[in-house]
Amino acid sequence: MRTTASQPPAGSSGGRGTVGAAAGGAARGATLGAVGGAIAGDTGKSAAIGAGGSDLTWSAYALVGWQFTDWGSLNAGYKWLAYDYETGSGPSRFSWDVTYQGPIAGLVFNW
């Protein structure tokens, strides 16, 4: 994980929501009967409610899955998530540039 951050401005509650738009795609397919795989990714730009915004937000993952029955499957893989945000200037500047990555796992229910 890579993180670069400065302190929020003095007097700030530090709590801001974000809203944004993203575009992405995914592909998946069965390879050996009940075993399959998937890859997906997206990128976008979000804005803090009030002020500021991200320069870039992106994520990507790769999965391998096993469908053990008609109603469920198990998935395991690896995911990357990056978020680059900054607002303000001078002493009130706040910057947060972070990239997370690591293993993921999930149980999927189909109905």
PDB file of N, CA and C in Angstrom:
ATOM      1  N   MET A   1       0.831  -1.162   0.000  1.00  0.00           N
ATOM      2  CA  MET A   1       0.000   0.000   0.000  1.00  0.00           C
ATOM      3  C   MET A   1       0.881   1.232   0.000  1.00  0.00           C
ATOM      4  N   ARG A   2       0.532   2.207  -0.819  1.00  0.00           N
ATOM      5  CA  ARG A   2       1.253   3.469  -0.898  1.00  0.00           C
ATOM      6  C   ARG A   2       0.293   4.563  -0.474  1.00  0.00           C
ATOM      7  N   THR A   3       0.656   5.351   0.522  1.00  0.00           N
ATOM      8  CA  THR A   3      -0.212   6.405   1.017  1.00  0.00           C
ATOM      9  C   THR A   3       0.576   7.694   1.194  1.00  0.00           C
ATOM     10  N   THR A   4       0.028   8.794   0.705  1.00  0.00           N
ATOM     11  CA  THR A   4       0.581  10.120   0.938  1.00  0.00           C
ATOM     12  C   THR A   4      -0.573  10.985   1.418  1.00  0.00           C
ATOM     13  N   ALA A   5      -0.493  11.549   2.611  1.00  0.00           N
ATOM     14  CA  ALA A   5      -1.594  12.360   3.122  1.00  0.00           C
ATOM     15  C   ALA A   5      -1.060  13.486   3.974  1.00  0.00           C
ATOM     16  N   SER A   6      -1.789  14.571   3.981  1.00  0.00           N
ATOM     17  CA  SER A   6      -1.520  15.672   4.887  1.00  0.00           C
ATOM     18  C   SER A   6      -2.725  15.800   5.811  1.00  0.00           C
ATOM     19  N   GLN A   7      -2.613  16.605   6.830  1.00  0.00           N
ATOM     20  CA  GLN A   7      -3.691  16.766   7.803  1.00  0.00           C
ATOM     21  C   GLN A   7      -4.828  17.597   7.216  1.00  0.00           C
ATOM     22  N   PRO A   8      -6.099  17.324   7.630  1.00  0.00           N
ATOM     23  CA  PRO A   8      -7.201  18.174   7.201  1.00  0.00           C
ATOM     24  C   PRO A   8      -7.024  19.586   7.746  1.00  0.00           C
ATOM     25  N   PRO A   9      -7.615  20.580   7.108  1.00  0.00           N
ATOM     26  CA  PRO A   9      -7.486  21.953   7.578  1.00  0.00           C
ATOM     27  C   PRO A   9      -7.969  22.099   9.018  1.00  0.00           C
ATOM     28  N   ALA A  10      -7.343  23.015   9.781  1.00  0.00           N
ATOM     29  CA  ALA A  10      -7.745  23.268  11.164  1.00  0.00           C
ATOM     30  C   ALA A  10      -9.206  23.689  11.195  1.00  0.00           C
ATOM     31  N   GLY A  11      -9.950  23.159  12.153  1.00  0.00           N
ATOM     32  CA  GLY A  11     -11.363  23.484  12.282  1.00  0.00           C
ATOM     33  C   GLY A  11     -12.263  22.645  11.395  1.00  0.00           C
ATOM     34  N   SER A  12     -11.681  21.805  10.565  1.00  0.00           N
ATOM     35  CA  SER A  12     -12.459  20.947   9.684  1.00  0.00           C
ATOM     36  C   SER A  12     -12.877  19.695  10.427  1.00  0.00           C
ATOM     37  N   SER A  13     -14.089  19.236  10.164  1.00  0.00           N
ATOM     38  CA  SER A  13     -14.549  18.004  10.792  1.00  0.00           C
ATOM     39  C   SER A  13     -13.904  16.792  10.129  1.00  0.00           C
ATOM     40  N   GLY A  14     -13.336  16.984   8.935  1.00  0.00           N
ATOM     41  CA  GLY A  14     -12.673  15.893   8.234  1.00  0.00           C
ATOM     42  C   GLY A  14     -13.632  14.950   7.541  1.00  0.00           C
ATOM     43  N   GLY A  15     -14.938  15.121   7.742  1.00  0.00           N
ATOM     44  CA  GLY A  15     -15.912  14.216   7.136  1.00  0.00           C
ATOM     45  C   GLY A  15     -16.583  14.837   5.935  1.00  0.00           C
ATOM     46  N   ARG A  16     -16.289  14.324   4.758  1.00  0.00           N
ATOM     47  CA  ARG A  16     -16.923  14.788   3.528  1.00  0.00           C
ATOM     48  C   ARG A  16     -17.319  13.574   2.722  1.00  0.00           C
ATOM     49  N   GLY A  17     -18.441  13.651   2.092  1.00  0.00           N
ATOM     50  CA  GLY A  17     -18.857  12.584   1.204  1.00  0.00           C
ATOM     51  C   GLY A  17     -18.332  12.829  -0.194  1.00  0.00           C
ATOM     52  N   THR A  18     -18.357  11.813  -1.021  1.00  0.00           N
ATOM     53  CA  THR A  18     -17.950  11.982  -2.406  1.00  0.00           C
ATOM     54  C   THR A  18     -19.004  11.387  -3.320  1.00  0.00           C
ATOM     55  N   VAL A  19     -19.078  11.914  -4.498  1.00  0.00           N
ATOM     56  CA  VAL A  19     -19.966  11.419  -5.538  1.00  0.00           C
ATOM     57  C   VAL A  19     -19.197  11.538  -6.844  1.00  0.00           C
ATOM     58  N   GLY A  20     -19.387  10.597  -7.748  1.00  0.00           N
ATOM     59  CA  GLY A  20     -18.624  10.671  -8.976  1.00  0.00           C
ATOM     60  C   GLY A  20     -19.149   9.741 -10.048  1.00  0.00           C
ATOM     61  N   ALA A  21     -18.472   9.735 -11.162  1.00  0.00           N
ATOM     62  CA  ALA A  21     -18.835   8.901 -12.299  1.00  0.00           C
ATOM     63  C   ALA A  21     -17.661   8.004 -12.651  1.00  0.00           C
ATOM     64  N   ALA A  22     -17.979   6.810 -13.121  1.00  0.00           N
ATOM     65  CA  ALA A  22     -16.940   5.865 -13.523  1.00  0.00           C
ATOM     66  C   ALA A  22     -17.404   5.102 -14.745  1.00  0.00           C
ATOM     67  N   ALA A  23     -16.456   4.638 -15.512  1.00  0.00           N
ATOM     68  CA  ALA A  23     -16.737   3.792 -16.666  1.00  0.00           C
ATOM     69  C   ALA A  23     -15.819   2.592 -16.586  1.00  0.00           C
ATOM     70  N   GLY A  24     -16.315   1.442 -16.987  1.00  0.00           N
ATOM     71  CA  GLY A  24     -15.488   0.246 -16.902  1.00  0.00           C
ATOM     72  C   GLY A  24     -16.037  -0.880 -17.739  1.00  0.00           C
ATOM     73  N   GLY A  25     -15.429  -2.024 -17.579  1.00  0.00           N
ATOM     74  CA  GLY A  25     -15.852  -3.195 -18.314  1.00  0.00           C
ATOM     75  C   GLY A  25     -15.447  -4.461 -17.592  1.00  0.00           C
ATOM     76  N   ALA A  26     -16.034  -5.564 -18.019  1.00  0.00           N
ATOM     77  CA  ALA A  26     -15.728  -6.848 -17.406  1.00  0.00           C
ATOM     78  C   ALA A  26     -15.853  -7.945 -18.449  1.00  0.00           C
ATOM     79  N   ALA A  27     -15.129  -9.018 -18.219  1.00  0.00           N
ATOM     80  CA  ALA A  27     -15.212 -10.198 -19.072  1.00  0.00           C
ATOM     81  C   ALA A  27     -15.127 -11.423 -18.189  1.00  0.00           C
ATOM     82  N   ARG A  28     -15.930 -12.430 -18.493  1.00  0.00           N
ATOM     83  CA  ARG A  28     -15.848 -13.680 -17.735  1.00  0.00           C
ATOM     84  C   ARG A  28     -16.219 -14.832 -18.638  1.00  0.00           C
ATOM     85  N   GLY A  29     -15.795 -16.023 -18.233  1.00  0.00           N
ATOM     86  CA  GLY A  29     -16.103 -17.193 -19.022  1.00  0.00           C
ATOM     87  C   GLY A  29     -15.748 -18.472 -18.291  1.00  0.00           C
ATOM     88  N   ALA A  30     -16.400 -19.559 -18.688  1.00  0.00           N
ATOM     89  CA  ALA A  30     -16.117 -20.874 -18.110  1.00  0.00           C
ATOM     90  C   ALA A  30     -14.953 -21.487 -18.864  1.00  0.00           C
ATOM     91  N   THR A  31     -14.032 -22.086 -18.156  1.00  0.00           N
ATOM     92  CA  THR A  31     -12.877 -22.695 -18.790  1.00  0.00           C
ATOM     93  C   THR A  31     -12.906 -24.212 -18.693  1.00  0.00           C
ATOM     94  N   LEU A  32     -13.266 -24.732 -17.539  1.00  0.00           N
ATOM     95  CA  LEU A  32     -13.281 -26.181 -17.335  1.00  0.00           C
ATOM     96  C   LEU A  32     -14.585 -26.613 -16.664  1.00  0.00           C
ATOM     97  N   GLY A  33     -15.691 -26.488 -17.347  1.00  0.00           N
ATOM     98  CA  GLY A  33     -16.964 -26.859 -16.758  1.00  0.00           C
ATOM     99  C   GLY A  33     -17.391 -25.910 -15.669  1.00  0.00           C
ATOM    100  N   ALA A  34     -17.244 -26.321 -14.424  1.00  0.00           N
ATOM    101  CA  ALA A  34     -17.686 -25.511 -13.286  1.00  0.00           C
ATOM    102  C   ALA A  34     -16.656 -24.478 -12.852  1.00  0.00           C
ATOM    103  N   VAL A  35     -15.472 -24.484 -13.458  1.00  0.00           N
ATOM    104  CA  VAL A  35     -14.422 -23.524 -13.104  1.00  0.00           C
ATOM    105  C   VAL A  35     -14.397 -22.421 -14.151  1.00  0.00           C
ATOM    106  N   GLY A  36     -14.356 -21.176 -13.697  1.00  0.00           N
ATOM    107  CA  GLY A  36     -14.343 -20.049 -14.616  1.00  0.00           C
ATOM    108  C   GLY A  36     -13.475 -18.931 -14.090  1.00  0.00           C
ATOM    109  N   GLY A  37     -13.439 -17.840 -14.811  1.00  0.00           N
ATOM    110  CA  GLY A  37     -12.642 -16.702 -14.403  1.00  0.00           C
ATOM    111  C   GLY A  37     -13.274 -15.410 -14.846  1.00  0.00           C
ATOM    112  N   ALA A  38     -12.814 -14.313 -14.279  1.00  0.00           N
ATOM    113  CA  ALA A  38     -13.320 -12.990 -14.637  1.00  0.00           C
ATOM    114  C   ALA A  38     -12.227 -11.955 -14.434  1.00  0.00           C
ATOM    115  N   ILE A  39     -12.264 -10.916 -15.252  1.00  0.00           N
ATOM    116  CA  ILE A  39     -11.419  -9.742 -15.068  1.00  0.00           C
ATOM    117  C   ILE A  39     -12.322  -8.530 -15.224  1.00  0.00           C
ATOM    118  N   ALA A  40     -12.040  -7.464 -14.500  1.00  0.00           N
ATOM    119  CA  ALA A  40     -12.851  -6.258 -14.596  1.00  0.00           C
ATOM    120  C   ALA A  40     -12.020  -5.060 -14.180  1.00  0.00           C
ATOM    121  N   GLY A  41     -12.465  -3.910 -14.584  1.00  0.00           N
ATOM    122  CA  GLY A  41     -11.795  -2.686 -14.192  1.00  0.00           C
ATOM    123  C   GLY A  41     -12.669  -1.483 -14.457  1.00  0.00           C
ATOM    124  N   ASP A  42     -12.352  -0.383 -13.807  1.00  0.00           N
ATOM    125  CA  ASP A  42     -13.055   0.863 -14.043  1.00  0.00           C
ATOM    126  C   ASP A  42     -12.141   2.027 -13.704  1.00  0.00           C
ATOM    127  N   THR A  43     -12.502   3.179 -14.199  1.00  0.00           N
ATOM    128  CA  THR A  43     -11.778   4.399 -13.885  1.00  0.00           C
ATOM    129  C   THR A  43     -12.769   5.541 -13.866  1.00  0.00           C
ATOM    130  N   GLY A  44     -12.453   6.587 -13.136  1.00  0.00           N
ATOM    131  CA  GLY A  44     -13.370   7.716 -13.075  1.00  0.00           C
ATOM    132  C   GLY A  44     -12.790   8.873 -12.311  1.00  0.00           C
ATOM    133  N   LYS A  45     -13.648   9.839 -12.065  1.00  0.00           N
ATOM    134  CA  LYS A  45     -13.293  11.044 -11.323  1.00  0.00           C
ATOM    135  C   LYS A  45     -14.449  11.322 -10.391  1.00  0.00           C
ATOM    136  N   SER A  46     -14.141  11.615  -9.131  1.00  0.00           N
ATOM    137  CA  SER A  46     -15.206  11.920  -8.183  1.00  0.00           C
ATOM    138  C   SER A  46     -14.973  13.285  -7.573  1.00  0.00           C
ATOM    139  N   ALA A  47     -16.008  13.860  -7.034  1.00  0.00           N
ATOM    140  CA  ALA A  47     -15.913  15.184  -6.427  1.00  0.00           C
ATOM    141  C   ALA A  47     -16.396  15.112  -4.992  1.00  0.00           C
ATOM    142  N   ALA A  48     -15.682  15.771  -4.108  1.00  0.00           N
ATOM    143  CA  ALA A  48     -16.126  15.851  -2.718  1.00  0.00           C
ATOM    144  C   ALA A  48     -17.346  16.763  -2.665  1.00  0.00           C
ATOM    145  N   ILE A  49     -18.302  16.403  -1.848  1.00  0.00           N
ATOM    146  CA  ILE A  49     -19.482  17.238  -1.693  1.00  0.00           C
ATOM    147  C   ILE A  49     -19.042  18.493  -0.957  1.00  0.00           C
ATOM    148  N   GLY A  50     -19.124  19.602  -1.595  1.00  0.00           N
ATOM    149  CA  GLY A  50     -18.683  20.855  -1.002  1.00  0.00           C
ATOM    150  C   GLY A  50     -17.545  21.471  -1.804  1.00  0.00           C
ATOM    151  N   ALA A  51     -16.430  20.745  -1.959  1.00  0.00           N
ATOM    152  CA  ALA A  51     -15.286  21.316  -2.686  1.00  0.00           C
ATOM    153  C   ALA A  51     -14.282  20.227  -2.998  1.00  0.00           C
ATOM    154  N   GLY A  52     -13.395  20.526  -3.924  1.00  0.00           N
ATOM    155  CA  GLY A  52     -12.300  19.610  -4.243  1.00  0.00           C
ATOM    156  C   GLY A  52     -12.752  18.464  -5.120  1.00  0.00           C
ATOM    157  N   GLY A  53     -11.879  17.484  -5.282  1.00  0.00           N
ATOM    158  CA  GLY A  53     -12.217  16.324  -6.082  1.00  0.00           C
ATOM    159  C   GLY A  53     -11.013  15.471  -6.348  1.00  0.00           C
ATOM    160  N   SER A  54     -11.262  14.281  -6.873  1.00  0.00           N
ATOM    161  CA  SER A  54     -10.155  13.380  -7.150  1.00  0.00           C
ATOM    162  C   SER A  54      -9.605  13.657  -8.533  1.00  0.00           C
ATOM    163  N   ASP A  55      -8.306  13.471  -8.674  1.00  0.00           N
ATOM    164  CA  ASP A  55      -7.695  13.560  -9.987  1.00  0.00           C
ATOM    165  C   ASP A  55      -7.983  12.288 -10.768  1.00  0.00           C
ATOM    166  N   LEU A  56      -7.957  11.149 -10.066  1.00  0.00           N
ATOM    167  CA  LEU A  56      -8.178   9.866 -10.719  1.00  0.00           C
ATOM    168  C   LEU A  56      -8.560   8.821  -9.686  1.00  0.00           C
ATOM    169  N   THR A  57      -9.521   8.007 -10.031  1.00  0.00           N
ATOM    170  CA  THR A  57      -9.908   6.855  -9.237  1.00  0.00           C
ATOM    171  C   THR A  57      -9.968   5.672 -10.184  1.00  0.00           C
ATOM    172  N   TRP A  58      -9.380   4.540  -9.800  1.00  0.00           N
ATOM    173  CA  TRP A  58      -9.468   3.357 -10.654  1.00  0.00           C
ATOM    174  C   TRP A  58      -9.420   2.099  -9.807  1.00  0.00           C
ATOM    175  N   SER A  59      -9.955   1.025 -10.359  1.00  0.00           N
ATOM    176  CA  SER A  59      -9.863  -0.279  -9.708  1.00  0.00           C
ATOM    177  C   SER A  59      -9.837  -1.361 -10.775  1.00  0.00           C
ATOM    178  N   ALA A  60      -9.267  -2.483 -10.417  1.00  0.00           N
ATOM    179  CA  ALA A  60      -9.206  -3.637 -11.310  1.00  0.00           C
ATOM    180  C   ALA A  60      -9.121  -4.897 -10.467  1.00  0.00           C
ATOM    181  N   TYR A  61      -9.668  -5.989 -10.978  1.00  0.00           N
ATOM    182  CA  TYR A  61      -9.523  -7.263 -10.281  1.00  0.00           C
ATOM    183  C   TYR A  61      -9.530  -8.426 -11.260  1.00  0.00           C
ATOM    184  N   ALA A  62      -8.975  -9.528 -10.812  1.00  0.00           N
ATOM    185  CA  ALA A  62      -8.981 -10.790 -11.559  1.00  0.00           C
ATOM    186  C   ALA A  62      -9.463 -11.870 -10.593  1.00  0.00           C
ATOM    187  N   LEU A  63     -10.382 -12.711 -11.060  1.00  0.00           N
ATOM    188  CA  LEU A  63     -10.971 -13.758 -10.219  1.00  0.00           C
ATOM    189  C   LEU A  63     -10.923 -15.120 -10.889  1.00  0.00           C
ATOM    190  N   VAL A  64     -10.875 -16.150 -10.071  1.00  0.00           N
ATOM    191  CA  VAL A  64     -11.101 -17.525 -10.497  1.00  0.00           C
ATOM    192  C   VAL A  64     -12.239 -18.030  -9.631  1.00  0.00           C
ATOM    193  N   GLY A  65     -13.211 -18.710 -10.239  1.00  0.00           N
ATOM    194  CA  GLY A  65     -14.368 -19.176  -9.485  1.00  0.00           C
ATOM    195  C   GLY A  65     -14.704 -20.618  -9.750  1.00  0.00           C
ATOM    196  N   TRP A  66     -15.390 -21.213  -8.795  1.00  0.00           N
ATOM    197  CA  TRP A  66     -15.853 -22.599  -8.902  1.00  0.00           C
ATOM    198  C   TRP A  66     -17.337 -22.636  -8.567  1.00  0.00           C
ATOM    199  N   GLN A  67     -18.179 -22.997  -9.537  1.00  0.00           N
ATOM    200  CA  GLN A  67     -19.613 -23.103  -9.300  1.00  0.00           C
ATOM    201  C   GLN A  67     -19.903 -24.506  -8.790  1.00  0.00           C
ATOM    202  N   PHE A  68     -20.178 -24.605  -7.477  1.00  0.00           N
ATOM    203  CA  PHE A  68     -20.349 -25.901  -6.844  1.00  0.00           C
ATOM    204  C   PHE A  68     -21.777 -26.412  -6.919  1.00  0.00           C
ATOM    205  N   THR A  69     -22.738 -25.560  -7.269  1.00  0.00           N
ATOM    206  CA  THR A  69     -24.130 -25.947  -7.443  1.00  0.00           C
ATOM    207  C   THR A  69     -24.825 -24.901  -8.306  1.00  0.00           C
ATOM    208  N   ASP A  70     -26.079 -25.133  -8.698  1.00  0.00           N
ATOM    209  CA  ASP A  70     -26.809 -24.153  -9.512  1.00  0.00           C
ATOM    210  C   ASP A  70     -27.002 -22.832  -8.792  1.00  0.00           C
ATOM    211  N   TRP A  71     -27.070 -22.861  -7.472  1.00  0.00           N
ATOM    212  CA  TRP A  71     -27.364 -21.647  -6.715  1.00  0.00           C
ATOM    213  C   TRP A  71     -26.140 -20.950  -6.123  1.00  0.00           C
ATOM    214  N   GLY A  72     -24.939 -21.506  -6.242  1.00  0.00           N
ATOM    215  CA  GLY A  72     -23.806 -20.837  -5.613  1.00  0.00           C
ATOM    216  C   GLY A  72     -22.454 -21.158  -6.205  1.00  0.00           C
ATOM    217  N   SER A  73     -21.514 -20.227  -5.973  1.00  0.00           N
ATOM    218  CA  SER A  73     -20.134 -20.426  -6.399  1.00  0.00           C
ATOM    219  C   SER A  73     -19.193 -19.720  -5.430  1.00  0.00           C
ATOM    220  N   LEU A  74     -17.939 -20.151  -5.428  1.00  0.00           N
ATOM    221  CA  LEU A  74     -16.875 -19.541  -4.643  1.00  0.00           C
ATOM    222  C   LEU A  74     -15.911 -18.846  -5.591  1.00  0.00           C
ATOM    223  N   ASN A  75     -15.447 -17.647  -5.211  1.00  0.00           N
ATOM    224  CA  ASN A  75     -14.503 -16.889  -6.023  1.00  0.00           C
ATOM    225  C   ASN A  75     -13.302 -16.475  -5.187  1.00  0.00           C
ATOM    226  N   ALA A  76     -12.153 -16.418  -5.816  1.00  0.00           N
ATOM    227  CA  ALA A  76     -10.940 -15.917  -5.174  1.00  0.00           C
ATOM    228  C   ALA A  76     -10.134 -15.173  -6.230  1.00  0.00           C
ATOM    229  N   GLY A  77      -9.429 -14.138  -5.805  1.00  0.00           N
ATOM    230  CA  GLY A  77      -8.651 -13.375  -6.769  1.00  0.00           C
ATOM    231  C   GLY A  77      -7.827 -12.299  -6.109  1.00  0.00           C
ATOM    232  N   TYR A  78      -7.541 -11.260  -6.895  1.00  0.00           N
ATOM    233  CA  TYR A  78      -6.683 -10.161  -6.453  1.00  0.00           C
ATOM    234  C   TYR A  78      -7.288  -8.856  -6.947  1.00  0.00           C
ATOM    235  N   LYS A  79      -7.274  -7.808  -6.107  1.00  0.00           N
ATOM    236  CA  LYS A  79      -7.870  -6.532  -6.479  1.00  0.00           C
ATOM    237  C   LYS A  79      -6.909  -5.380  -6.207  1.00  0.00           C
ATOM    238  N   TRP A  80      -6.984  -4.371  -7.077  1.00  0.00           N
ATOM    239  CA  TRP A  80      -6.250  -3.121  -6.930  1.00  0.00           C
ATOM    240  C   TRP A  80      -7.271  -1.989  -6.884  1.00  0.00           C
ATOM    241  N   LEU A  81      -7.056  -1.012  -6.004  1.00  0.00           N
ATOM    242  CA  LEU A  81      -7.936   0.154  -5.890  1.00  0.00           C
ATOM    243  C   LEU A  81      -7.069   1.378  -5.619  1.00  0.00           C
ATOM    244  N   ALA A  82      -7.216   2.410  -6.438  1.00  0.00           N
ATOM    245  CA  ALA A  82      -6.420   3.632  -6.272  1.00  0.00           C
ATOM    246  C   ALA A  82      -7.336   4.843  -6.223  1.00  0.00           C
ATOM    247  N   TYR A  83      -6.963   5.791  -5.375  1.00  0.00           N
ATOM    248  CA  TYR A  83      -7.747   7.020  -5.208  1.00  0.00           C
ATOM    249  C   TYR A  83      -6.769   8.165  -4.983  1.00  0.00           C
ATOM    250  N   ASP A  84      -6.881   9.216  -5.778  1.00  0.00           N
ATOM    251  CA  ASP A  84      -6.001  10.385  -5.691  1.00  0.00           C
ATOM    252  C   ASP A  84      -6.887  11.605  -5.474  1.00  0.00           C
ATOM    253  N   TYR A  85      -6.789  12.211  -4.298  1.00  0.00           N
ATOM    254  CA  TYR A  85      -7.674  13.315  -3.924  1.00  0.00           C
ATOM    255  C   TYR A  85      -6.868  14.460  -3.326  1.00  0.00           C
ATOM    256  N   GLU A  86      -7.254  15.678  -3.658  1.00  0.00           N
ATOM    257  CA  GLU A  86      -6.657  16.829  -2.990  1.00  0.00           C
ATOM    258  C   GLU A  86      -7.615  18.005  -3.065  1.00  0.00           C
ATOM    259  N   THR A  87      -7.520  18.862  -2.065  1.00  0.00           N
ATOM    260  CA  THR A  87      -8.351  20.050  -2.007  1.00  0.00           C
ATOM    261  C   THR A  87      -7.599  21.140  -1.243  1.00  0.00           C
ATOM    262  N   GLY A  88      -7.983  22.376  -1.470  1.00  0.00           N
ATOM    263  CA  GLY A  88      -7.371  23.498  -0.765  1.00  0.00           C
ATOM    264  C   GLY A  88      -6.008  23.864  -1.325  1.00  0.00           C
ATOM    265  N   SER A  89      -5.397  24.877  -0.663  1.00  0.00           N
ATOM    266  CA  SER A  89      -4.059  25.304  -1.043  1.00  0.00           C
ATOM    267  C   SER A  89      -3.366  25.886   0.178  1.00  0.00           C
ATOM    268  N   GLY A  90      -2.056  25.998   0.080  1.00  0.00           N
ATOM    269  CA  GLY A  90      -1.278  26.538   1.187  1.00  0.00           C
ATOM    270  C   GLY A  90      -1.445  25.718   2.455  1.00  0.00           C
ATOM    271  N   PRO A  91      -1.593  26.378   3.612  1.00  0.00           N
ATOM    272  CA  PRO A  91      -1.704  25.653   4.882  1.00  0.00           C
ATOM    273  C   PRO A  91      -2.996  24.836   5.005  1.00  0.00           C
ATOM    274  N   SER A  92      -4.017  25.165   4.209  1.00  0.00           N
ATOM    275  CA  SER A  92      -5.268  24.414   4.292  1.00  0.00           C
ATOM    276  C   SER A  92      -5.345  23.302   3.243  1.00  0.00           C
ATOM    277  N   ARG A  93      -4.222  23.014   2.587  1.00  0.00           N
ATOM    278  CA  ARG A  93      -4.200  21.963   1.567  1.00  0.00           C
ATOM    279  C   ARG A  93      -4.309  20.599   2.216  1.00  0.00           C
ATOM    280  N   PHE A  94      -5.159  19.733   1.625  1.00  0.00           N
ATOM    281  CA  PHE A  94      -5.285  18.348   2.055  1.00  0.00           C
ATOM    282  C   PHE A  94      -5.080  17.461   0.833  1.00  0.00           C
ATOM    283  N   SER A  95      -4.211  16.466   0.959  1.00  0.00           N
ATOM    284  CA  SER A  95      -3.910  15.562  -0.141  1.00  0.00           C
ATOM    285  C   SER A  95      -3.971  14.125   0.353  1.00  0.00           C
ATOM    286  N   TRP A  96      -4.598  13.279  -0.454  1.00  0.00           N
ATOM    287  CA  TRP A  96      -4.693  11.853  -0.116  1.00  0.00           C
ATOM    288  C   TRP A  96      -4.523  11.065  -1.400  1.00  0.00           C
ATOM    289  N   ASP A  97      -3.396  10.391  -1.560  1.00  0.00           N
ATOM    290  CA  ASP A  97      -3.063   9.602  -2.739  1.00  0.00           C
ATOM    291  C   ASP A  97      -2.771   8.191  -2.251  1.00  0.00           C
ATOM    292  N   VAL A  98      -3.692   7.255  -2.456  1.00  0.00           N
ATOM    293  CA  VAL A  98      -3.570   5.932  -1.863  1.00  0.00           C
ATOM    294  C   VAL A  98      -3.849   4.852  -2.906  1.00  0.00           C
ATOM    295  N   THR A  99      -3.117   3.758  -2.809  1.00  0.00           N
ATOM    296  CA  THR A  99      -3.359   2.575  -3.633  1.00  0.00           C
ATOM    297  C   THR A  99      -3.406   1.367  -2.714  1.00  0.00           C
ATOM    298  N   TYR A 100      -4.527   0.664  -2.740  1.00  0.00           N
ATOM    299  CA  TYR A 100      -4.686  -0.569  -1.971  1.00  0.00           C
ATOM    300  C   TYR A 100      -4.626  -1.741  -2.933  1.00  0.00           C
ATOM    301  N   GLN A 101      -4.077  -2.848  -2.472  1.00  0.00           N
ATOM    302  CA  GLN A 101      -4.087  -4.063  -3.290  1.00  0.00           C
ATOM    303  C   GLN A 101      -4.012  -5.265  -2.373  1.00  0.00           C
ATOM    304  N   GLY A 102      -4.612  -6.363  -2.820  1.00  0.00           N
ATOM    305  CA  GLY A 102      -4.559  -7.562  -2.012  1.00  0.00           C
ATOM    306  C   GLY A 102      -5.549  -8.610  -2.474  1.00  0.00           C
ATOM    307  N   PRO A 103      -5.533  -9.757  -1.802  1.00  0.00           N
ATOM    308  CA  PRO A 103      -6.410 -10.861  -2.177  1.00  0.00           C
ATOM    309  C   PRO A 103      -7.870 -10.575  -1.811  1.00  0.00           C
ATOM    310  N   ILE A 104      -8.782 -11.139  -2.594  1.00  0.00           N
ATOM    311  CA  ILE A 104     -10.205 -11.055  -2.318  1.00  0.00           C
ATOM    312  C   ILE A 104     -10.821 -12.440  -2.457  1.00  0.00           C
ATOM    313  N   ALA A 105     -11.920 -12.664  -1.770  1.00  0.00           N
ATOM    314  CA  ALA A 105     -12.645 -13.930  -1.853  1.00  0.00           C
ATOM    315  C   ALA A 105     -14.118 -13.641  -1.666  1.00  0.00           C
ATOM    316  N   GLY A 106     -14.961 -14.475  -2.238  1.00  0.00           N
ATOM    317  CA  GLY A 106     -16.390 -14.250  -2.098  1.00  0.00           C
ATOM    318  C   GLY A 106     -17.212 -15.493  -2.354  1.00  0.00           C
ATOM    319  N   LEU A 107     -18.410 -15.467  -1.817  1.00  0.00           N
ATOM    320  CA  LEU A 107     -19.413 -16.504  -2.023  1.00  0.00           C
ATOM    321  C   LEU A 107     -20.545 -15.849  -2.806  1.00  0.00           C
ATOM    322  N   VAL A 108     -20.918 -16.420  -3.949  1.00  0.00           N
ATOM    323  CA  VAL A 108     -21.934 -15.846  -4.819  1.00  0.00           C
ATOM    324  C   VAL A 108     -23.176 -16.718  -4.776  1.00  0.00           C
ATOM    325  N   PHE A 109     -24.328 -16.092  -4.555  1.00  0.00           N
ATOM    326  CA  PHE A 109     -25.620 -16.794  -4.590  1.00  0.00           C
ATOM    327  C   PHE A 109     -26.360 -16.417  -5.862  1.00  0.00           C
ATOM    328  N   ASN A 110     -26.812 -17.398  -6.615  1.00  0.00           N
ATOM    329  CA  ASN A 110     -27.562 -17.174  -7.844  1.00  0.00           C
ATOM    330  C   ASN A 110     -29.032 -17.505  -7.609  1.00  0.00           C
ATOM    331  N   TRP A 111     -29.934 -16.677  -8.107  1.00  0.00           N
ATOM    332  CA  TRP A 111     -31.344 -17.018  -8.034  1.00  0.00           C
ATOM    333  C   TRP A 111     -32.055 -16.565  -9.279  1.00  0.00           C
TER     334      TRP A 111
END
